[in-house]
Amino acid sequence: MADDGARGGRGGHGKREGREGRPGHEEREKGEKRAGHEGSGGPGVHKGALCLVTGASGYIGGRLVPELLAAGYRVRCLARTPEKLRDHPWARQVEIARGDVTDEESVTAAMDGVEVAYYLVHALGQGRRDFEETDRRAARTFGRSARAAGVRRLVYLGGLTPAGVPERALSPHLRSRAEVGHILLGSGVPTAVLRAAVIIGSGSASFEMLRYLTERLPVMVTPSWISTRIQPIAVRDVLRYLVGAAALPADVSRAFDIGGPDIVTYRDMMRRYARVARLPRRLVVTLPVLTPRLSSHWIGLVTPVPSGIAKPLTESLRHEVVCAEHDIARYVHDPSGHPYGLDRAIELALRRVQEARVDTRWSNAAVPGAPSDPLPTDPDWAGGSLYTDEREAPVEATRASLWRVIEGIGGAHGWYSMSAAWAVRGLLDRFAGGVGLRRGRRDDEHLRVGDSLDFWRVKEIERGSLLRLRAEMRMPGLAWLEMRADEDGAGRTVYRQRALFHPRGFLGQAYWWSVYPFHAVIFGGMLRNIAAAARDLDGAAAGTSLRPAPRARRAVGALRRRAWHPGPGVPPA
């Protein structure tokens, strides 16, 4: 299951009736009085209550946890891979339970003592044909476990569905989101389903798609959905409503539409983004023959959002998604200036991007088809063919300087070897439906376990010593890359680099041997240039004039221009 937050936004405040999957005003009023749990009609959950958050490694979940803590709640996170949460700033303030929403035993154990449970996972972009059944089974498991544990409130962030469109006519992903909401509402536990359209925030898939389309294409040929009316919402307001939903009265069990004050077309959003970002006015030409499938591939080539994520996003934009009500304000007060308007939401998101303060990104969630297999050195490695490329070199620099280069690799700094070859590999990956190189980095200086890093994912960090990456590009096998800042017996700095590949079948074998002749150039170049970059950083700190290797100059220049603060456990250079 993927973590929520890619799509998930308030429209006109008028009353609308007769919508399949969305009750009319009278039905909503009745829904507030339904007794779904013992104690209905009593007060809401008190501050200090224990909240369970699923999807804490994802875009919304990773931002919700600190907001709940700040509001005075205790938090327990349910995660398939708890290690992904280890480096979050709030990790030591929460309980972390290992489990999966499809596994009833682990969910039931995680629910012990919980009063509010947040359901923030779904199968968006997972590339599975049975994702609707997976969503269905997981929601039923979650609701059943919550009822058995005596949980007092469920909160779910879903997608806003269009007025007058039967659910059977919706896109598969949006239809599944709506069904999950119905299942949780019918679980017997008071449930708040918050339905949002486009979420605008630094790092969200919707914002990244808007940002890259607008910045990279001054002239755009666009599909017809660019004229569809939508109602975006700022991520700060989404988080405010999610936190507020924990304290809803016990007799409130219903869906709420949430959104900002602006109802716009996607064309309007791009033009307003350009204005806020001080870009020239964009020329937009509509081409009706561009289907959601074709436009998702086009988005995959132009933006960091892969086609597997872009497709459900564009499919959901075929229909108008405008809120029918703003009843949430009766329970969660809107402070002055809230909800934020579109321009303010874009401005805040851009500021976070420019200041490199993006807390979570859409790419924090697992990529469709990405391997989760252990490194071959792990105890549960099952064996099989394994190819390695191991290299090391002495470095005329401190370990701290070498680590700074290692942790800064990728993104704008590049990979210190044959930039054109890396770019071509990334482009081929995009054509194959993979993530390519455009995901970049969450932060230009520091990494944490679970971060996406171009077409890699951070699997392990030992601060000042080890960075281990797992490949998420399309290939017939599994691959890892390790980089170490080490010392030899005499205390001299040594850079050690290891690439591992576990092939799948004949194609995997053929892949390894076809690229093997280039390893000396690519991996050998990385070795030399990383060592040279570390030496140059040491020289800059000492005030001497050392010139880095040609391929390392741009990356070193970027590192030297930034004020760098070492991560936990790393001594100053």
Protein backbone atom coordinates (compact mmCIF):
# COMPACT_ATOMS: atom_id res chain seq x y z
CA MET A 1 0.00 0.00 0.00
CA ALA A 2 1.28 3.45 -0.83
CA ASP A 3 1.25 6.41 1.52
CA ASP A 4 -1.38 9.07 0.94
CA GLY A 5 -0.97 12.63 -0.20
CA ALA A 6 -0.60 12.60 -3.99
CA ARG A 7 -4.19 13.53 -4.60
CA GLY A 8 -6.62 13.64 -2.30
CA GLY A 9 -9.41 19.55 -2.02
CA ARG A 10 -13.67 22.76 -0.86
CA GLY A 11 -15.91 23.97 -3.48
CA GLY A 12 -19.04 25.98 -3.62
CA HIS A 13 -20.80 26.03 -0.30
CA GLY A 14 -24.21 25.34 -1.80
CA LYS A 15 -26.27 22.23 -1.04
CA ARG A 16 -26.33 19.49 -3.62
CA GLU A 17 -28.47 16.39 -3.50
CA GLY A 18 -28.82 13.09 -5.27
CA ARG A 19 -25.11 12.43 -5.87
CA GLU A 20 -24.19 8.77 -5.93
CA GLY A 21 -21.58 8.11 -3.26
CA ARG A 22 -22.10 11.52 -1.67
CA PRO A 23 -25.18 12.16 0.48
CA GLY A 24 -27.37 15.20 0.01
CA HIS A 25 -27.70 17.75 2.82
CA GLU A 26 -30.52 15.92 4.63
CA GLU A 27 -28.61 12.64 4.46
CA ARG A 28 -25.51 14.30 5.86
CA GLU A 29 -27.49 15.69 8.80
CA LYS A 30 -28.88 12.24 9.53
CA GLY A 31 -25.39 10.75 9.22
CA GLU A 32 -24.24 12.88 12.12
CA LYS A 33 -26.76 11.15 14.40
CA ARG A 34 -26.00 7.58 13.47
CA ALA A 35 -24.96 5.49 16.44
CA GLY A 36 -21.95 3.54 15.29
CA HIS A 37 -20.14 2.93 18.53
CA GLU A 38 -20.94 2.62 22.19
CA GLY A 39 -20.83 6.06 23.71
CA SER A 40 -22.12 7.88 20.60
CA GLY A 41 -23.46 11.28 21.43
CA GLY A 42 -20.80 11.92 24.06
CA PRO A 43 -17.84 14.29 23.92
CA GLY A 44 -15.01 13.93 21.44
CA VAL A 45 -11.54 12.58 22.12
CA HIS A 46 -9.48 14.43 24.74
CA LYS A 47 -6.02 15.89 24.26
CA GLY A 48 -3.35 13.45 25.32
CA ALA A 49 -5.19 10.57 23.67
CA LEU A 50 -3.18 8.02 21.70
CA CYS A 51 -3.48 8.38 17.91
CA LEU A 52 -2.46 5.68 15.43
CA VAL A 53 -1.09 7.03 12.14
CA THR A 54 -0.73 4.80 9.10
CA GLY A 55 1.32 6.05 6.15
CA ALA A 56 3.70 7.99 8.42
CA SER A 57 6.53 7.56 5.91
CA GLY A 58 4.42 9.21 3.21
CA TYR A 59 3.70 12.79 2.19
CA ILE A 60 0.69 13.57 4.40
CA GLY A 61 1.40 11.13 7.23
CA GLY A 62 4.95 12.37 7.69
CA ARG A 63 3.63 15.93 8.18
CA LEU A 64 0.63 14.96 10.28
CA VAL A 65 2.66 13.27 13.04
CA PRO A 66 4.44 16.45 14.26
CA GLU A 67 1.16 18.39 14.04
CA LEU A 68 -0.55 15.86 16.30
CA LEU A 69 2.35 15.99 18.74
CA ALA A 70 2.20 19.79 18.79
CA ALA A 71 -1.54 19.59 19.50
CA GLY A 72 -0.86 17.50 22.61
CA TYR A 73 -1.70 14.01 21.32
CA ARG A 74 0.42 10.92 21.76
CA VAL A 75 1.27 9.14 18.52
CA ARG A 76 1.90 5.57 17.44
CA CYS A 77 2.92 4.90 13.84
CA LEU A 78 2.14 1.68 11.96
CA ALA A 79 4.81 1.01 9.32
CA ARG A 80 5.83 -1.94 7.20
CA THR A 81 9.43 -0.73 7.45
CA PRO A 82 9.97 1.11 10.73
CA GLU A 83 13.55 1.89 9.69
CA LYS A 84 12.14 4.45 7.23
CA LEU A 85 10.94 6.55 10.16
CA ARG A 86 14.18 6.41 12.12
CA ASP A 87 15.68 9.66 10.85
CA HIS A 88 12.55 11.83 11.06
CA PRO A 89 12.96 14.64 13.61
CA TRP A 90 9.96 13.35 15.57
CA ALA A 91 10.93 9.65 15.57
CA ARG A 92 11.95 9.58 19.26
CA GLN A 93 8.70 11.20 20.35
CA VAL A 94 6.43 8.44 18.98
CA GLU A 95 5.84 4.71 19.29
CA ILE A 96 6.50 2.72 16.13
CA ALA A 97 4.75 -0.59 15.45
CA ARG A 98 5.77 -2.89 12.62
CA GLY A 99 2.86 -4.06 10.50
CA ASP A 100 0.76 -3.69 7.38
CA VAL A 101 -2.86 -2.61 7.00
CA THR A 102 -3.61 -5.82 5.11
CA ASP A 103 -2.38 -7.94 8.03
CA GLU A 104 -5.12 -8.13 10.66
CA GLU A 105 -2.89 -9.48 13.40
CA SER A 106 -0.42 -6.57 13.19
CA VAL A 107 -3.21 -3.98 12.85
CA THR A 108 -5.06 -5.37 15.88
CA ALA A 109 -1.88 -5.25 17.97
CA ALA A 110 -1.17 -1.68 16.87
CA MET A 111 -4.73 -0.60 17.83
CA ASP A 112 -4.24 -1.50 21.51
CA GLY A 113 -5.02 1.58 23.61
CA VAL A 114 -5.66 3.77 20.56
CA GLU A 115 -8.51 6.30 20.61
CA VAL A 116 -8.08 7.86 17.16
CA ALA A 117 -6.81 6.00 14.09
CA TYR A 118 -5.78 7.76 10.86
CA TYR A 119 -6.06 5.82 7.62
CA LEU A 120 -3.61 7.46 5.18
CA VAL A 121 -2.65 4.65 2.83
CA HIS A 122 -3.91 3.60 -0.57
CA ALA A 123 -2.75 1.89 -3.73
CA LEU A 124 -2.30 4.98 -5.92
CA GLY A 125 0.19 4.26 -8.68
CA GLN A 126 1.07 0.82 -7.37
CA GLY A 127 0.68 -0.71 -10.82
CA ARG A 128 -1.28 -3.70 -9.52
CA ARG A 129 -4.32 -4.96 -11.39
CA ASP A 130 -5.95 -6.02 -8.15
CA PHE A 131 -5.35 -2.74 -6.32
CA GLU A 132 -9.09 -2.17 -5.78
CA GLU A 133 -9.40 -5.50 -3.99
CA THR A 134 -6.25 -4.70 -1.98
CA ASP A 135 -7.72 -1.34 -0.92
CA ARG A 136 -11.02 -2.99 -0.08
CA ARG A 137 -9.46 -5.74 2.01
CA ALA A 138 -7.19 -3.33 3.86
CA ALA A 139 -10.04 -0.93 4.72
CA ARG A 140 -12.21 -3.78 6.03
CA THR A 141 -9.33 -5.08 8.12
CA PHE A 142 -8.64 -1.63 9.54
CA GLY A 143 -12.29 -0.94 10.39
CA ARG A 144 -12.84 -4.37 11.93
CA SER A 145 -9.72 -4.10 14.09
CA ALA A 146 -10.63 -0.58 15.20
CA ARG A 147 -14.09 -1.66 16.33
CA ALA A 148 -12.73 -4.68 18.19
CA ALA A 149 -10.15 -2.49 19.97
CA GLY A 150 -12.73 0.11 21.05
CA VAL A 151 -11.21 2.92 18.95
CA ARG A 152 -13.37 6.03 19.32
CA ARG A 153 -12.65 7.76 15.98
CA LEU A 154 -11.40 6.91 12.49
CA VAL A 155 -10.12 9.66 10.19
CA TYR A 156 -9.56 9.08 6.46
CA LEU A 157 -8.25 11.43 3.77
CA GLY A 158 -9.95 10.54 0.51
CA GLY A 159 -10.54 12.09 -2.90
CA LEU A 160 -13.27 14.54 -3.82
CA THR A 161 -15.72 12.90 -6.24
CA PRO A 162 -17.52 14.85 -8.99
CA ALA A 163 -21.18 15.85 -8.73
CA GLY A 164 -23.68 13.88 -10.78
CA VAL A 165 -21.19 11.20 -11.85
CA PRO A 166 -21.99 7.62 -10.76
CA GLU A 167 -19.09 6.02 -8.92
CA ARG A 168 -18.96 3.24 -11.49
CA ALA A 169 -18.03 5.90 -14.09
CA LEU A 170 -15.11 7.26 -12.08
CA SER A 171 -11.49 6.37 -12.69
CA PRO A 172 -10.49 3.12 -10.96
CA HIS A 173 -8.30 4.88 -8.38
CA LEU A 174 -10.86 7.56 -7.52
CA ARG A 175 -13.58 4.90 -7.35
CA SER A 176 -11.44 2.89 -4.96
CA ARG A 177 -10.82 5.93 -2.76
CA ALA A 178 -14.59 6.49 -2.53
CA GLU A 179 -15.20 2.83 -1.69
CA VAL A 180 -12.65 2.92 1.12
CA GLY A 181 -14.55 5.86 2.61
CA HIS A 182 -17.83 3.91 2.48
CA ILE A 183 -16.21 0.87 4.14
CA LEU A 184 -14.77 2.90 7.01
CA LEU A 185 -18.06 4.77 7.52
CA GLY A 186 -19.79 1.41 7.76
CA SER A 187 -17.27 -0.05 10.19
CA GLY A 188 -19.29 0.73 13.31
CA VAL A 189 -16.68 3.25 14.50
CA PRO A 190 -17.45 7.00 14.21
CA THR A 191 -15.55 8.06 11.09
CA ALA A 192 -14.59 11.35 9.49
CA VAL A 193 -13.88 11.09 5.75
CA LEU A 194 -12.16 14.25 4.51
CA ARG A 195 -12.38 14.56 0.71
CA ALA A 196 -9.89 16.79 -1.07
CA ALA A 197 -9.19 17.50 -4.74
CA VAL A 198 -5.72 18.91 -5.52
CA ILE A 199 -3.38 19.41 -2.57
CA ILE A 200 -0.93 22.30 -2.96
CA GLY A 201 2.17 21.98 -0.85
CA SER A 202 5.91 21.67 -1.26
CA GLY A 203 6.70 18.13 -2.33
CA SER A 204 3.15 17.00 -3.17
CA ALA A 205 2.72 15.17 -6.48
CA SER A 206 0.04 17.66 -7.57
CA PHE A 207 2.29 20.64 -6.83
CA GLU A 208 5.36 19.08 -8.45
CA MET A 209 3.34 18.35 -11.58
CA LEU A 210 2.03 21.94 -11.68
CA ARG A 211 5.46 23.42 -10.97
CA TYR A 212 7.44 21.53 -13.59
CA LEU A 213 4.82 21.84 -16.32
CA THR A 214 4.66 25.60 -15.81
CA GLU A 215 8.38 26.26 -15.36
CA ARG A 216 9.66 24.03 -18.16
CA LEU A 217 7.07 24.70 -20.86
CA PRO A 218 6.48 28.36 -21.77
CA VAL A 219 4.30 27.05 -24.61
CA MET A 220 2.14 24.01 -23.84
CA VAL A 221 -0.04 21.74 -25.94
CA THR A 222 -2.46 20.35 -23.37
CA PRO A 223 -5.34 17.85 -23.08
CA SER A 224 -8.96 18.91 -22.64
CA TRP A 225 -8.92 18.30 -18.87
CA ILE A 226 -6.96 21.50 -18.49
CA SER A 227 -10.32 23.33 -18.70
CA THR A 228 -11.95 21.29 -15.92
CA ARG A 229 -12.93 23.22 -12.79
CA ILE A 230 -11.23 22.09 -9.58
CA GLN A 231 -10.91 23.41 -6.04
CA PRO A 232 -7.35 23.15 -4.69
CA ILE A 233 -6.46 23.26 -1.01
CA ALA A 234 -3.22 24.13 0.78
CA VAL A 235 -1.54 21.25 2.58
CA ARG A 236 -1.45 23.35 5.78
CA ASP A 237 -5.25 23.47 5.78
CA VAL A 238 -5.48 19.74 5.09
CA LEU A 239 -3.30 19.07 8.14
CA ARG A 240 -5.34 21.49 10.25
CA TYR A 241 -8.57 19.67 9.38
CA LEU A 242 -6.99 16.25 9.96
CA VAL A 243 -5.83 17.24 13.44
CA GLY A 244 -9.19 18.87 14.22
CA ALA A 245 -11.08 15.76 13.13
CA ALA A 246 -9.61 13.84 16.08
CA ALA A 247 -11.79 15.88 18.49
CA LEU A 248 -15.09 15.69 16.57
CA PRO A 249 -18.12 14.85 18.75
CA ALA A 250 -18.70 11.12 19.07
CA ASP A 251 -22.05 11.31 17.23
CA VAL A 252 -20.48 12.76 14.06
CA SER A 253 -19.81 10.06 11.48
CA ARG A 254 -19.85 11.37 7.92
CA ALA A 255 -17.89 12.71 4.98
CA PHE A 256 -16.71 16.31 4.69
CA ASP A 257 -15.61 18.17 1.55
CA ILE A 258 -12.49 20.26 2.19
CA GLY A 259 -10.99 22.84 -0.14
CA GLY A 260 -9.69 26.36 -0.48
CA PRO A 261 -11.75 29.42 -1.45
CA ASP A 262 -10.75 29.40 -5.14
CA ILE A 263 -12.50 27.40 -7.88
CA VAL A 264 -10.25 27.39 -10.93
CA THR A 265 -9.35 25.43 -14.05
CA TYR A 266 -5.98 23.74 -14.37
CA ARG A 267 -5.12 26.37 -16.99
CA ASP A 268 -5.84 29.06 -14.38
CA MET A 269 -3.62 27.24 -11.88
CA MET A 270 -0.67 27.22 -14.28
CA ARG A 271 -1.08 30.91 -15.10
CA ARG A 272 -1.38 31.85 -11.45
CA TYR A 273 1.66 29.76 -10.61
CA ALA A 274 3.59 31.61 -13.32
CA ARG A 275 2.48 34.94 -11.86
CA VAL A 276 3.45 34.02 -8.28
CA ALA A 277 6.78 32.60 -9.48
CA ARG A 278 7.36 35.73 -11.61
CA LEU A 279 7.56 33.80 -14.86
CA PRO A 280 6.44 35.15 -18.25
CA ARG A 281 2.81 34.41 -19.13
CA ARG A 282 2.43 30.85 -20.43
CA LEU A 283 0.77 30.09 -23.77
CA VAL A 284 -1.59 27.13 -23.43
CA VAL A 285 -3.11 25.35 -26.45
CA THR A 286 -5.70 22.60 -25.92
CA LEU A 287 -5.49 19.39 -27.95
CA PRO A 288 -8.58 17.20 -27.23
CA VAL A 289 -7.03 14.01 -28.65
CA LEU A 290 -4.63 13.76 -25.70
CA THR A 291 -6.15 11.01 -23.53
CA PRO A 292 -5.32 10.64 -19.81
CA ARG A 293 -2.99 7.76 -20.71
CA LEU A 294 -1.11 9.79 -23.32
CA SER A 295 -0.98 12.89 -21.13
CA SER A 296 0.35 10.82 -18.20
CA HIS A 297 3.30 9.71 -20.35
CA TRP A 298 3.83 13.31 -21.44
CA ILE A 299 3.81 14.42 -17.78
CA GLY A 300 6.21 11.58 -16.96
CA LEU A 301 8.73 12.94 -19.46
CA VAL A 302 8.44 16.62 -18.48
CA THR A 303 8.06 16.38 -14.69
CA PRO A 304 9.57 14.21 -11.91
CA VAL A 305 6.18 12.50 -11.44
CA PRO A 306 6.29 9.07 -13.16
CA SER A 307 3.45 8.04 -15.45
CA GLY A 308 2.22 5.46 -12.92
CA ILE A 309 1.42 8.31 -10.50
CA ALA A 310 0.44 10.86 -13.18
CA LYS A 311 -2.19 8.63 -14.77
CA PRO A 312 -4.60 8.48 -11.80
CA LEU A 313 -4.02 12.20 -11.19
CA THR A 314 -4.96 13.13 -14.75
CA GLU A 315 -7.85 10.66 -14.87
CA SER A 316 -9.37 12.31 -11.82
CA LEU A 317 -9.22 15.70 -13.58
CA ARG A 318 -11.61 14.58 -16.32
CA HIS A 319 -14.54 15.58 -14.12
CA GLU A 320 -15.27 18.77 -12.22
CA VAL A 321 -14.32 18.38 -8.56
CA VAL A 322 -15.85 21.23 -6.58
CA CYS A 323 -17.00 20.92 -2.98
CA ALA A 324 -20.72 20.84 -2.22
CA GLU A 325 -20.37 22.06 1.37
CA HIS A 326 -17.98 23.38 3.98
CA ASP A 327 -19.58 21.80 7.03
CA ILE A 328 -16.19 20.94 8.52
CA ALA A 329 -15.99 24.59 9.67
CA ARG A 330 -18.84 23.88 12.14
CA TYR A 331 -16.46 21.62 14.06
CA VAL A 332 -12.93 22.79 13.11
CA HIS A 333 -12.66 26.55 13.33
CA ASP A 334 -11.12 28.39 10.34
CA PRO A 335 -8.71 31.05 11.67
CA SER A 336 -8.56 34.43 9.97
CA GLY A 337 -7.10 34.04 6.48
CA HIS A 338 -7.90 30.32 6.28
CA PRO A 339 -8.37 28.28 4.25
CA TYR A 340 -5.55 29.78 2.20
CA GLY A 341 -6.28 30.98 -1.31
CA LEU A 342 -4.48 29.42 -4.27
CA ASP A 343 -1.89 32.20 -4.68
CA ARG A 344 -0.97 32.05 -0.99
CA ALA A 345 -0.72 28.26 -1.09
CA ILE A 346 1.59 28.41 -4.12
CA GLU A 347 3.67 31.16 -2.51
CA LEU A 348 4.18 29.15 0.68
CA ALA A 349 5.02 25.96 -1.22
CA LEU A 350 7.53 27.78 -3.43
CA ARG A 351 9.17 29.37 -0.42
CA ARG A 352 9.69 25.96 1.19
CA VAL A 353 11.20 24.62 -2.04
CA GLN A 354 13.52 27.63 -2.45
CA GLU A 355 14.63 27.43 1.18
CA ALA A 356 15.18 23.64 0.86
CA ARG A 357 12.78 23.01 3.75
CA VAL A 358 10.64 20.29 2.17
CA ASP A 359 9.75 17.97 5.06
CA THR A 360 8.16 15.18 3.01
CA ARG A 361 7.70 14.48 -0.69
CA TRP A 362 5.33 12.40 -2.80
CA SER A 363 8.31 10.17 -3.64
CA ASN A 364 8.67 9.16 0.03
CA ALA A 365 6.13 6.45 -0.77
CA ALA A 366 7.20 3.20 -2.39
CA VAL A 367 7.49 3.19 -6.17
CA PRO A 368 5.37 0.73 -8.21
CA GLY A 369 7.33 -2.47 -8.69
CA ALA A 370 10.32 -1.26 -6.68
CA PRO A 371 12.19 -4.06 -4.93
CA SER A 372 11.98 -4.28 -1.19
CA ASP A 373 14.35 -7.25 -1.07
CA PRO A 374 17.15 -7.34 1.50
CA LEU A 375 20.74 -6.57 0.67
CA PRO A 376 22.64 -9.81 -0.04
CA THR A 377 24.61 -9.34 3.19
CA ASP A 378 21.41 -9.29 5.27
CA PRO A 379 20.64 -12.42 7.33
CA ASP A 380 17.48 -13.23 5.35
CA TRP A 381 19.19 -13.13 1.93
CA ALA A 382 18.03 -16.19 -0.01
CA GLY A 383 21.12 -16.57 -2.19
CA GLY A 384 21.43 -16.78 -5.97
CA SER A 385 23.80 -15.21 -8.47
CA LEU A 386 25.37 -12.00 -7.27
CA TYR A 387 27.76 -9.73 -9.14
CA THR A 388 29.80 -7.05 -7.42
CA ASP A 389 32.03 -4.16 -8.42
CA GLU A 390 34.25 -3.12 -5.48
CA ARG A 391 36.73 -0.24 -5.55
CA GLU A 392 38.59 1.86 -3.01
CA ALA A 393 41.01 4.76 -3.02
CA PRO A 394 42.98 6.77 -0.44
CA VAL A 395 41.66 10.30 0.04
CA GLU A 396 43.77 13.32 0.98
CA ALA A 397 41.01 14.74 3.13
CA THR A 398 39.27 14.23 6.45
CA ARG A 399 36.52 11.66 6.80
CA ALA A 400 34.11 14.51 7.53
CA SER A 401 34.84 16.14 4.16
CA LEU A 402 34.52 12.81 2.37
CA TRP A 403 31.21 12.13 4.11
CA ARG A 404 29.93 15.56 3.12
CA VAL A 405 30.54 14.69 -0.54
CA ILE A 406 28.98 11.24 -0.17
CA GLU A 407 25.83 12.51 1.55
CA GLY A 408 25.51 15.31 -1.01
CA ILE A 409 25.57 13.00 -4.04
CA GLY A 410 22.79 13.06 -6.63
CA GLY A 411 20.23 15.73 -7.45
CA ALA A 412 21.85 19.00 -8.51
CA HIS A 413 25.29 17.67 -7.48
CA GLY A 414 25.17 14.79 -9.94
CA TRP A 415 26.94 11.45 -9.73
CA TYR A 416 30.56 12.53 -10.31
CA SER A 417 31.00 10.48 -13.46
CA MET A 418 29.82 10.64 -17.08
CA SER A 419 26.85 12.93 -16.55
CA ALA A 420 25.61 12.24 -20.07
CA ALA A 421 25.53 8.49 -19.44
CA TRP A 422 23.53 8.95 -16.22
CA ALA A 423 21.13 11.27 -18.06
CA VAL A 424 20.60 8.75 -20.87
CA ARG A 425 19.99 5.96 -18.34
CA GLY A 426 17.44 8.15 -16.60
CA LEU A 427 15.70 8.99 -19.88
CA LEU A 428 15.51 5.32 -20.86
CA ASP A 429 14.02 4.57 -17.46
CA ARG A 430 11.33 7.23 -18.00
CA PHE A 431 10.44 5.75 -21.39
CA ALA A 432 10.10 2.35 -19.72
CA GLY A 433 7.67 3.82 -17.17
CA GLY A 434 10.25 4.18 -14.40
CA VAL A 435 11.10 7.11 -12.16
CA GLY A 436 14.19 8.36 -14.02
CA LEU A 437 16.58 10.91 -12.53
CA ARG A 438 14.13 13.79 -12.09
CA ARG A 439 13.02 12.98 -8.54
CA GLY A 440 16.20 14.62 -7.27
CA ARG A 441 16.59 15.01 -3.51
CA ARG A 442 14.33 16.07 -0.65
CA ASP A 443 17.18 18.10 0.85
CA ASP A 444 20.37 19.28 -0.89
CA GLU A 445 22.66 18.44 2.04
CA HIS A 446 21.24 15.73 4.27
CA LEU A 447 19.62 12.37 3.62
CA ARG A 448 17.54 10.09 5.79
CA VAL A 449 16.48 6.47 5.45
CA GLY A 450 13.57 6.16 3.02
CA ASP A 451 14.45 9.27 0.97
CA SER A 452 14.26 8.99 -2.79
CA LEU A 453 17.49 10.01 -4.51
CA ASP A 454 17.06 10.25 -8.29
CA PHE A 455 16.38 6.64 -9.27
CA TRP A 456 17.71 5.25 -5.98
CA ARG A 457 16.23 4.97 -2.50
CA VAL A 458 18.19 5.41 0.73
CA LYS A 459 18.17 2.09 2.56
CA GLU A 460 20.75 2.73 5.29
CA ILE A 461 22.80 5.57 6.71
CA GLU A 462 25.49 5.37 9.33
CA ARG A 463 26.27 9.03 9.85
CA GLY A 464 29.80 9.90 8.83
CA SER A 465 30.48 6.39 7.57
CA LEU A 466 28.01 4.54 5.28
CA LEU A 467 25.40 5.37 2.65
CA ARG A 468 23.55 2.42 1.11
CA LEU A 469 21.18 2.90 -1.82
CA ARG A 470 18.75 0.52 -3.51
CA ALA A 471 18.00 0.95 -7.22
CA GLU A 472 14.43 1.77 -8.26
CA MET A 473 15.09 2.10 -11.99
CA ARG A 474 13.63 -0.50 -14.34
CA MET A 475 16.07 -3.38 -14.77
CA PRO A 476 15.97 -7.20 -14.88
CA GLY A 477 17.28 -7.67 -11.37
CA LEU A 478 18.02 -6.00 -8.03
CA ALA A 479 20.82 -3.52 -7.48
CA TRP A 480 22.44 -1.70 -4.57
CA LEU A 481 25.19 0.91 -4.28
CA GLU A 482 27.29 1.40 -1.13
CA MET A 483 29.62 4.31 -0.39
CA ARG A 484 31.80 4.40 2.72
CA ALA A 485 34.01 6.98 4.38
CA ASP A 486 36.57 4.81 6.15
CA GLU A 487 40.10 4.76 7.54
CA ASP A 488 43.00 2.38 7.04
CA GLY A 489 45.20 0.96 9.78
CA ALA A 490 47.31 4.12 9.82
CA GLY A 491 44.31 6.40 10.34
CA ARG A 492 44.32 7.72 6.75
CA THR A 493 40.98 8.39 5.03
CA VAL A 494 39.84 5.78 2.52
CA TYR A 495 36.83 5.91 0.19
CA ARG A 496 35.23 2.50 -0.43
CA GLN A 497 32.59 1.93 -3.08
CA ARG A 498 30.61 -1.23 -3.84
CA ALA A 499 27.94 -1.94 -6.46
CA LEU A 500 25.92 -5.17 -6.26
CA PHE A 501 23.57 -6.73 -8.80
CA HIS A 502 21.35 -9.79 -8.42
CA PRO A 503 20.16 -10.75 -11.94
CA ARG A 504 16.76 -12.19 -12.78
CA GLY A 505 16.99 -14.91 -15.39
CA PHE A 506 18.74 -14.68 -18.74
CA LEU A 507 17.85 -11.01 -19.28
CA GLY A 508 19.46 -10.12 -15.97
CA GLN A 509 22.66 -11.94 -16.91
CA ALA A 510 22.68 -10.26 -20.32
CA TYR A 511 22.10 -6.85 -18.73
CA TRP A 512 25.08 -7.20 -16.37
CA TRP A 513 27.53 -8.31 -19.03
CA SER A 514 26.35 -5.69 -21.52
CA VAL A 515 27.12 -2.84 -19.09
CA TYR A 516 30.17 -4.45 -17.49
CA PRO A 517 32.68 -2.96 -19.99
CA PHE A 518 31.57 0.54 -18.91
CA HIS A 519 32.09 -0.02 -15.19
CA ALA A 520 35.73 1.04 -15.26
CA VAL A 521 34.69 4.40 -16.73
CA ILE A 522 31.52 4.99 -14.70
CA PHE A 523 32.38 3.52 -11.29
CA GLY A 524 36.10 4.23 -11.65
CA GLY A 525 35.27 7.85 -12.51
CA MET A 526 33.01 8.11 -9.49
CA LEU A 527 35.79 6.83 -7.26
CA ARG A 528 38.34 9.35 -8.51
CA ASN A 529 36.02 12.35 -8.61
CA ILE A 530 34.49 11.78 -5.17
CA ALA A 531 37.99 11.53 -3.71
CA ALA A 532 39.00 14.72 -5.57
CA ALA A 533 35.86 16.55 -4.40
CA ALA A 534 36.60 15.68 -0.77
CA ARG A 535 40.20 16.83 -1.17
CA ASP A 536 39.01 20.13 -2.65
CA LEU A 537 36.62 20.73 0.25
CA ASP A 538 39.44 20.16 2.70
CA GLY A 539 41.62 22.53 0.73
CA ALA A 540 38.92 25.20 0.75
CA ALA A 541 38.54 24.87 4.53
CA ALA A 542 42.30 25.24 4.98
CA GLY A 543 42.49 28.19 2.58
CA THR A 544 44.71 26.38 0.08
CA SER A 545 44.07 26.32 -3.65
CA LEU A 546 43.24 22.81 -4.77
CA ARG A 547 41.58 22.14 -8.09
CA PRO A 548 39.02 19.31 -8.26
CA ALA A 549 38.86 16.81 -11.08
CA PRO A 550 36.94 18.24 -14.07
CA ARG A 551 33.77 16.19 -13.57
CA ALA A 552 33.62 17.10 -9.87
CA ARG A 553 33.97 20.89 -10.26
CA ARG A 554 30.29 21.76 -10.56
CA ALA A 555 29.22 19.57 -7.64
CA VAL A 556 32.04 20.82 -5.43
CA GLY A 557 31.19 24.41 -6.29
CA ALA A 558 27.60 23.86 -5.20
CA LEU A 559 28.72 22.25 -1.95
CA ARG A 560 31.17 25.05 -1.17
CA ARG A 561 28.57 27.77 -1.82
CA ARG A 562 26.15 26.25 0.70
CA ALA A 563 26.40 26.77 4.44
CA TRP A 564 26.59 23.19 5.59
CA HIS A 565 25.62 21.82 8.97
CA PRO A 566 26.68 18.26 9.74
CA GLY A 567 23.97 15.73 10.53
CA PRO A 568 23.71 13.90 13.84
CA GLY A 569 26.89 12.11 14.82
CA VAL A 570 29.05 13.80 12.17
CA PRO A 571 32.01 15.82 13.45
CA PRO A 572 32.53 19.26 11.87
CA ALA A 573 34.86 19.29 8.91
